[in-house]
Amino acid sequence: MKKQDIYKVKEAYNTVASEYATQYFFELDKKPIDRIFLETFAARLKGKKNILEIGCGPGQVACFLNKLGVKVKGIDISDEMVTQARLLNPTSSFEQGDVLDLKYNDKSVDGIVAFYLIVNFALRDVKKAMAEIYRILKNGGIFLTSFHIGNEVIRLHEFLGKKVELDFIFHSPEEVVEIMERCCFVIDELIIRYPYRDAEYPSKRAYIFARKI
């Protein structure tokens, strides 16, 4: 992602952070399959300590995992989104960061969850993000990610009542799996689900469980 693109994404989420938190912090209440995937992720990482959520937004996934006994540190490109996450999750840890340039040592993280991390990424940036995630995971580390399925790009000039410039980019599971396998991830599961009516955008979703060996 070019610096100007990163700036636009960061500024867009800074602009809507408060509204986004109001809209989405309780979204998992309406998504039972997502909760099952997160419960599976938590079970696979039982007893591990160095776990990240990348693209954490207001921290709803971190909050859910923490209630399951999995202590997660959240990372988001948006400073204002990190502020919202800290307000809504005062016992959890959050920091600003860029998945394309993670400030973590090689093989230092036990597990990573990243729901819809790549929703604003073109394929070239998906490749960079997956390479960075692979780099910081320990051998045997677990990675769970999700994304919208499709080939369209939705360009928004308004989001949650605010003026923004933001592209939402859909991806094919085959392309994402190929990118991950080229990074040397082992794909354990690829699950596709239909959208929950009246609860979310009407697109199919892909969920991938992967490991670093």
C-alpha atoms as a PDB file:
ATOM      1  CA  MET A   1       0.000   0.000   0.000  1.00  0.00           C
ATOM      2  CA  LYS A   2       1.408   3.375  -0.944  1.00  0.00           C
ATOM      3  CA  LYS A   3       1.974   5.883   1.852  1.00  0.00           C
ATOM      4  CA  GLN A   4      -0.838   8.065   0.531  1.00  0.00           C
ATOM      5  CA  ASP A   5      -3.183   5.048   0.544  1.00  0.00           C
ATOM      6  CA  ILE A   6      -2.237   4.243   4.133  1.00  0.00           C
ATOM      7  CA  TYR A   7      -2.852   7.860   5.063  1.00  0.00           C
ATOM      8  CA  LYS A   8      -6.317   7.798   3.473  1.00  0.00           C
ATOM      9  CA  VAL A   9      -7.300   4.576   5.228  1.00  0.00           C
ATOM     10  CA  LYS A  10      -6.010   5.823   8.569  1.00  0.00           C
ATOM     11  CA  GLU A  11      -7.756   9.176   8.216  1.00  0.00           C
ATOM     12  CA  ALA A  12     -11.023   7.560   7.144  1.00  0.00           C
ATOM     13  CA  TYR A  13     -11.132   5.352  10.235  1.00  0.00           C
ATOM     14  CA  ASN A  14     -10.005   8.216  12.455  1.00  0.00           C
ATOM     15  CA  THR A  15     -12.958  10.196  11.106  1.00  0.00           C
ATOM     16  CA  VAL A  16     -15.582   7.521  11.835  1.00  0.00           C
ATOM     17  CA  ALA A  17     -14.050   5.864  14.915  1.00  0.00           C
ATOM     18  CA  SER A  18     -16.744   6.887  17.385  1.00  0.00           C
ATOM     19  CA  GLU A  19     -19.607   6.011  15.027  1.00  0.00           C
ATOM     20  CA  TYR A  20     -17.907   2.742  14.065  1.00  0.00           C
ATOM     21  CA  ALA A  21     -17.587   1.727  17.714  1.00  0.00           C
ATOM     22  CA  THR A  22     -21.271   2.445  18.313  1.00  0.00           C
ATOM     23  CA  GLN A  23     -22.295   0.480  15.222  1.00  0.00           C
ATOM     24  CA  TYR A  24     -20.033  -2.565  15.506  1.00  0.00           C
ATOM     25  CA  PHE A  25     -18.840  -3.146  19.069  1.00  0.00           C
ATOM     26  CA  PHE A  26     -21.681  -5.582  19.805  1.00  0.00           C
ATOM     27  CA  GLU A  27     -21.827  -7.149  16.335  1.00  0.00           C
ATOM     28  CA  LEU A  28     -20.668 -10.578  17.550  1.00  0.00           C
ATOM     29  CA  ASP A  29     -23.930 -10.901  19.491  1.00  0.00           C
ATOM     30  CA  LYS A  30     -25.633 -11.428  16.112  1.00  0.00           C
ATOM     31  CA  LYS A  31     -22.969 -13.712  14.593  1.00  0.00           C
ATOM     32  CA  PRO A  32     -22.952 -17.168  16.215  1.00  0.00           C
ATOM     33  CA  ILE A  33     -20.646 -18.739  13.613  1.00  0.00           C
ATOM     34  CA  ASP A  34     -18.031 -16.040  14.185  1.00  0.00           C
ATOM     35  CA  ARG A  35     -18.202 -16.735  17.914  1.00  0.00           C
ATOM     36  CA  ILE A  36     -17.625 -20.450  17.281  1.00  0.00           C
ATOM     37  CA  PHE A  37     -14.532 -19.678  15.173  1.00  0.00           C
ATOM     38  CA  LEU A  38     -13.177 -17.417  17.907  1.00  0.00           C
ATOM     39  CA  GLU A  39     -13.884 -20.072  20.550  1.00  0.00           C
ATOM     40  CA  THR A  40     -11.932 -22.547  18.403  1.00  0.00           C
ATOM     41  CA  PHE A  41      -9.070 -20.069  18.080  1.00  0.00           C
ATOM     42  CA  ALA A  42      -9.054 -19.572  21.856  1.00  0.00           C
ATOM     43  CA  ALA A  43      -9.032 -23.317  22.513  1.00  0.00           C
ATOM     44  CA  ARG A  44      -6.077 -23.851  20.184  1.00  0.00           C
ATOM     45  CA  LEU A  45      -4.110 -21.149  21.996  1.00  0.00           C
ATOM     46  CA  LYS A  46      -4.938 -22.198  25.550  1.00  0.00           C
ATOM     47  CA  GLY A  47      -2.012 -21.390  27.815  1.00  0.00           C
ATOM     48  CA  LYS A  48      -0.261 -19.133  25.291  1.00  0.00           C
ATOM     49  CA  LYS A  49       0.553 -15.533  26.201  1.00  0.00           C
ATOM     50  CA  ASN A  50       1.701 -13.603  23.137  1.00  0.00           C
ATOM     51  CA  ILE A  51      -1.470 -13.195  21.066  1.00  0.00           C
ATOM     52  CA  LEU A  52      -2.392 -10.279  18.800  1.00  0.00           C
ATOM     53  CA  GLU A  53      -5.511  -8.996  17.114  1.00  0.00           C
ATOM     54  CA  ILE A  54      -4.465  -6.987  14.063  1.00  0.00           C
ATOM     55  CA  GLY A  55      -6.999  -4.532  12.681  1.00  0.00           C
ATOM     56  CA  CYS A  56      -8.768  -4.530  16.036  1.00  0.00           C
ATOM     57  CA  GLY A  57     -11.082  -1.559  15.478  1.00  0.00           C
ATOM     58  CA  PRO A  58     -12.927  -0.786  18.735  1.00  0.00           C
ATOM     59  CA  GLY A  59     -11.832  -4.119  20.210  1.00  0.00           C
ATOM     60  CA  GLN A  60     -14.942  -6.278  20.021  1.00  0.00           C
ATOM     61  CA  VAL A  61     -12.985  -9.423  19.057  1.00  0.00           C
ATOM     62  CA  ALA A  62     -10.325  -8.812  21.703  1.00  0.00           C
ATOM     63  CA  CYS A  63     -13.091  -8.317  24.263  1.00  0.00           C
ATOM     64  CA  PHE A  64     -14.720 -11.629  23.315  1.00  0.00           C
ATOM     65  CA  LEU A  65     -11.432 -13.525  23.460  1.00  0.00           C
ATOM     66  CA  ASN A  66     -10.453 -11.969  26.774  1.00  0.00           C
ATOM     67  CA  LYS A  67     -13.730 -13.223  28.274  1.00  0.00           C
ATOM     68  CA  LEU A  68     -12.683 -16.709  27.140  1.00  0.00           C
ATOM     69  CA  GLY A  69      -9.457 -16.355  29.087  1.00  0.00           C
ATOM     70  CA  VAL A  70      -7.231 -15.492  26.123  1.00  0.00           C
ATOM     71  CA  LYS A  71      -5.356 -12.248  26.748  1.00  0.00           C
ATOM     72  CA  VAL A  72      -5.053 -10.397  23.441  1.00  0.00           C
ATOM     73  CA  LYS A  73      -3.236  -7.201  22.504  1.00  0.00           C
ATOM     74  CA  GLY A  74      -5.071  -5.211  19.819  1.00  0.00           C
ATOM     75  CA  ILE A  75      -3.369  -3.293  17.021  1.00  0.00           C
ATOM     76  CA  ASP A  76      -4.988  -0.854  14.598  1.00  0.00           C
ATOM     77  CA  ILE A  77      -3.741   1.653  12.028  1.00  0.00           C
ATOM     78  CA  SER A  78      -6.164   4.285  13.363  1.00  0.00           C
ATOM     79  CA  ASP A  79      -5.174   6.212  16.487  1.00  0.00           C
ATOM     80  CA  GLU A  80      -8.789   7.157  17.130  1.00  0.00           C
ATOM     81  CA  MET A  81      -9.933   3.549  16.809  1.00  0.00           C
ATOM     82  CA  VAL A  82      -7.309   2.584  19.401  1.00  0.00           C
ATOM     83  CA  THR A  83      -8.728   5.303  21.666  1.00  0.00           C
ATOM     84  CA  GLN A  84     -12.212   3.821  21.296  1.00  0.00           C
ATOM     85  CA  ALA A  85     -10.881   0.322  22.006  1.00  0.00           C
ATOM     86  CA  ARG A  86      -9.195   1.492  25.209  1.00  0.00           C
ATOM     87  CA  LEU A  87     -12.383   3.224  26.386  1.00  0.00           C
ATOM     88  CA  LEU A  88     -14.524   0.160  25.709  1.00  0.00           C
ATOM     89  CA  ASN A  89     -11.981  -2.376  27.011  1.00  0.00           C
ATOM     90  CA  PRO A  90     -10.193  -0.732  29.949  1.00  0.00           C
ATOM     91  CA  THR A  91      -8.583  -3.993  31.132  1.00  0.00           C
ATOM     92  CA  SER A  92      -7.093  -4.818  27.712  1.00  0.00           C
ATOM     93  CA  SER A  93      -4.061  -3.508  25.854  1.00  0.00           C
ATOM     94  CA  PHE A  94      -4.217  -1.697  22.497  1.00  0.00           C
ATOM     95  CA  GLU A  95      -1.683   0.150  20.373  1.00  0.00           C
ATOM     96  CA  GLN A  96      -1.420   1.904  17.029  1.00  0.00           C
ATOM     97  CA  GLY A  97       0.442  -0.069  14.390  1.00  0.00           C
ATOM     98  CA  ASP A  98       0.695  -0.954  10.709  1.00  0.00           C
ATOM     99  CA  VAL A  99       0.423  -4.586   9.585  1.00  0.00           C
ATOM    100  CA  LEU A 100       2.696  -3.805   6.653  1.00  0.00           C
ATOM    101  CA  ASP A 101       5.484  -2.891   9.091  1.00  0.00           C
ATOM    102  CA  LEU A 102       4.904  -4.652  12.396  1.00  0.00           C
ATOM    103  CA  LYS A 103       7.209  -3.659  15.265  1.00  0.00           C
ATOM    104  CA  TYR A 104       7.642  -7.214  16.496  1.00  0.00           C
ATOM    105  CA  ASN A 105      10.618  -9.535  16.329  1.00  0.00           C
ATOM    106  CA  ASP A 106      10.684 -12.582  14.089  1.00  0.00           C
ATOM    107  CA  LYS A 107       8.962 -15.647  15.610  1.00  0.00           C
ATOM    108  CA  SER A 108       7.783 -13.737  18.688  1.00  0.00           C
ATOM    109  CA  VAL A 109       3.976 -14.218  18.613  1.00  0.00           C
ATOM    110  CA  ASP A 110       1.963 -17.362  19.456  1.00  0.00           C
ATOM    111  CA  GLY A 111      -1.253 -16.483  17.647  1.00  0.00           C
ATOM    112  CA  ILE A 112      -2.876 -13.787  15.525  1.00  0.00           C
ATOM    113  CA  VAL A 113      -6.510 -13.092  14.702  1.00  0.00           C
ATOM    114  CA  ALA A 114      -7.368 -10.603  11.970  1.00  0.00           C
ATOM    115  CA  PHE A 115     -11.053 -10.294  11.101  1.00  0.00           C
ATOM    116  CA  TYR A 116     -11.514  -8.231   7.904  1.00  0.00           C
ATOM    117  CA  LEU A 117      -7.971  -6.910   8.089  1.00  0.00           C
ATOM    118  CA  ILE A 118      -7.615  -6.964   4.294  1.00  0.00           C
ATOM    119  CA  VAL A 119     -10.942  -5.297   3.501  1.00  0.00           C
ATOM    120  CA  ASN A 120      -9.129  -2.121   2.375  1.00  0.00           C
ATOM    121  CA  PHE A 121      -6.127  -3.886   0.784  1.00  0.00           C
ATOM    122  CA  ALA A 122      -5.336  -4.508  -2.854  1.00  0.00           C
ATOM    123  CA  LEU A 123      -3.666  -7.860  -3.536  1.00  0.00           C
ATOM    124  CA  ARG A 124      -0.155  -6.402  -3.444  1.00  0.00           C
ATOM    125  CA  ASP A 125      -0.807  -5.292   0.129  1.00  0.00           C
ATOM    126  CA  VAL A 126      -2.435  -8.584   1.078  1.00  0.00           C
ATOM    127  CA  LYS A 127       0.888 -10.207   0.105  1.00  0.00           C
ATOM    128  CA  LYS A 128       2.862  -7.790   2.290  1.00  0.00           C
ATOM    129  CA  ALA A 129       0.496  -8.217   5.237  1.00  0.00           C
ATOM    130  CA  MET A 130       0.593 -12.015   5.082  1.00  0.00           C
ATOM    131  CA  ALA A 131       4.392 -11.981   4.865  1.00  0.00           C
ATOM    132  CA  GLU A 132       4.631  -9.761   7.952  1.00  0.00           C
ATOM    133  CA  ILE A 133       2.180 -11.915   9.902  1.00  0.00           C
ATOM    134  CA  TYR A 134       4.110 -15.045   8.948  1.00  0.00           C
ATOM    135  CA  ARG A 135       7.400 -13.395   9.951  1.00  0.00           C
ATOM    136  CA  ILE A 136       6.357 -12.592  13.516  1.00  0.00           C
ATOM    137  CA  LEU A 137       4.522 -15.862  14.228  1.00  0.00           C
ATOM    138  CA  LYS A 138       6.400 -18.549  16.123  1.00  0.00           C
ATOM    139  CA  ASN A 139       6.754 -21.970  14.571  1.00  0.00           C
ATOM    140  CA  GLY A 140       3.464 -23.688  15.333  1.00  0.00           C
ATOM    141  CA  GLY A 141       1.721 -20.316  15.647  1.00  0.00           C
ATOM    142  CA  ILE A 142      -1.992 -20.065  14.781  1.00  0.00           C
ATOM    143  CA  PHE A 143      -3.528 -17.511  12.421  1.00  0.00           C
ATOM    144  CA  LEU A 144      -7.260 -16.876  11.951  1.00  0.00           C
ATOM    145  CA  THR A 145      -8.438 -14.378   9.365  1.00  0.00           C
ATOM    146  CA  SER A 146     -11.636 -13.473   7.532  1.00  0.00           C
ATOM    147  CA  PHE A 147     -12.620 -11.383   4.518  1.00  0.00           C
ATOM    148  CA  HIS A 148     -15.442 -10.563   2.111  1.00  0.00           C
ATOM    149  CA  ILE A 149     -15.661 -12.840  -0.922  1.00  0.00           C
ATOM    150  CA  GLY A 150     -15.966 -11.327  -4.392  1.00  0.00           C
ATOM    151  CA  ASN A 151     -14.137  -9.325  -7.017  1.00  0.00           C
ATOM    152  CA  GLU A 152     -15.672  -5.902  -6.572  1.00  0.00           C
ATOM    153  CA  VAL A 153     -14.295  -2.673  -5.165  1.00  0.00           C
ATOM    154  CA  ILE A 154     -16.775  -0.415  -3.392  1.00  0.00           C
ATOM    155  CA  ARG A 155     -15.564   3.177  -3.266  1.00  0.00           C
ATOM    156  CA  LEU A 156     -17.116   5.199  -0.477  1.00  0.00           C
ATOM    157  CA  HIS A 157     -17.242   8.970  -0.211  1.00  0.00           C
ATOM    158  CA  GLU A 158     -19.466   8.740   2.872  1.00  0.00           C
ATOM    159  CA  PHE A 159     -19.340   6.204   5.692  1.00  0.00           C
ATOM    160  CA  LEU A 160     -21.415   6.187   8.881  1.00  0.00           C
ATOM    161  CA  GLY A 161     -22.579   9.714   8.181  1.00  0.00           C
ATOM    162  CA  LYS A 162     -19.090  11.172   7.672  1.00  0.00           C
ATOM    163  CA  LYS A 163     -17.237  12.236   4.524  1.00  0.00           C
ATOM    164  CA  VAL A 164     -14.385   9.840   3.740  1.00  0.00           C
ATOM    165  CA  GLU A 165     -12.428   8.430   0.814  1.00  0.00           C
ATOM    166  CA  LEU A 166     -12.253   4.688   1.368  1.00  0.00           C
ATOM    167  CA  ASP A 167     -12.223   1.590  -0.835  1.00  0.00           C
ATOM    168  CA  PHE A 168     -13.684  -1.706   0.361  1.00  0.00           C
ATOM    169  CA  ILE A 169     -12.019  -4.496  -1.604  1.00  0.00           C
ATOM    170  CA  PHE A 170     -13.367  -8.042  -1.882  1.00  0.00           C
ATOM    171  CA  HIS A 171     -11.144 -11.068  -2.568  1.00  0.00           C
ATOM    172  CA  SER A 172     -11.481 -14.611  -3.820  1.00  0.00           C
ATOM    173  CA  PRO A 173     -10.608 -17.393  -1.354  1.00  0.00           C
ATOM    174  CA  GLU A 174      -8.397 -19.016  -3.991  1.00  0.00           C
ATOM    175  CA  GLU A 175      -6.260 -15.894  -4.357  1.00  0.00           C
ATOM    176  CA  VAL A 176      -5.866 -15.403  -0.618  1.00  0.00           C
ATOM    177  CA  VAL A 177      -5.024 -19.070  -0.019  1.00  0.00           C
ATOM    178  CA  GLU A 178      -2.424 -18.959  -2.798  1.00  0.00           C
ATOM    179  CA  ILE A 179      -0.810 -15.880  -1.247  1.00  0.00           C
ATOM    180  CA  MET A 180      -0.746 -17.496   2.188  1.00  0.00           C
ATOM    181  CA  GLU A 181       0.697 -20.756   0.882  1.00  0.00           C
ATOM    182  CA  ARG A 182       3.429 -18.839  -0.933  1.00  0.00           C
ATOM    183  CA  CYS A 183       4.301 -17.337   2.458  1.00  0.00           C
ATOM    184  CA  CYS A 184       4.577 -20.977   3.661  1.00  0.00           C
ATOM    185  CA  PHE A 185       1.419 -21.031   5.787  1.00  0.00           C
ATOM    186  CA  VAL A 186      -0.271 -24.403   6.171  1.00  0.00           C
ATOM    187  CA  ILE A 187      -4.014 -23.981   5.614  1.00  0.00           C
ATOM    188  CA  ASP A 188      -5.994 -26.082   8.092  1.00  0.00           C
ATOM    189  CA  GLU A 189      -9.526 -24.921   7.292  1.00  0.00           C
ATOM    190  CA  LEU A 190     -11.243 -22.639   4.810  1.00  0.00           C
ATOM    191  CA  ILE A 191     -14.866 -21.990   5.733  1.00  0.00           C
ATOM    192  CA  ILE A 192     -17.360 -19.959   3.695  1.00  0.00           C
ATOM    193  CA  ARG A 193     -20.594 -18.664   5.149  1.00  0.00           C
ATOM    194  CA  TYR A 194     -23.534 -16.697   3.837  1.00  0.00           C
ATOM    195  CA  PRO A 195     -24.289 -13.302   5.400  1.00  0.00           C
ATOM    196  CA  TYR A 196     -26.599 -12.879   8.349  1.00  0.00           C
ATOM    197  CA  ARG A 197     -29.711 -11.167   7.062  1.00  0.00           C
ATOM    198  CA  ASP A 198     -30.274  -7.680   8.492  1.00  0.00           C
ATOM    199  CA  ALA A 199     -27.084  -7.965  10.568  1.00  0.00           C
ATOM    200  CA  GLU A 200     -24.303  -7.179   8.103  1.00  0.00           C
ATOM    201  CA  TYR A 201     -23.405  -6.314   4.524  1.00  0.00           C
ATOM    202  CA  PRO A 202     -24.916  -8.978   2.181  1.00  0.00           C
ATOM    203  CA  SER A 203     -21.697 -10.644   1.036  1.00  0.00           C
ATOM    204  CA  LYS A 204     -20.319 -14.136   1.537  1.00  0.00           C
ATOM    205  CA  ARG A 205     -17.480 -14.367   4.051  1.00  0.00           C
ATOM    206  CA  ALA A 206     -14.378 -16.557   4.121  1.00  0.00           C
ATOM    207  CA  TYR A 207     -12.605 -17.688   7.295  1.00  0.00           C
ATOM    208  CA  ILE A 208      -9.169 -19.278   7.218  1.00  0.00           C
ATOM    209  CA  PHE A 209      -7.373 -21.141   9.994  1.00  0.00           C
ATOM    210  CA  ALA A 210      -3.665 -21.451   9.208  1.00  0.00           C
ATOM    211  CA  ARG A 211      -0.424 -22.443  10.929  1.00  0.00           C
ATOM    212  CA  LYS A 212       3.241 -21.627  10.646  1.00  0.00           C
ATOM    213  CA  ILE A 213       5.437 -24.726  10.708  1.00  0.00           C
END
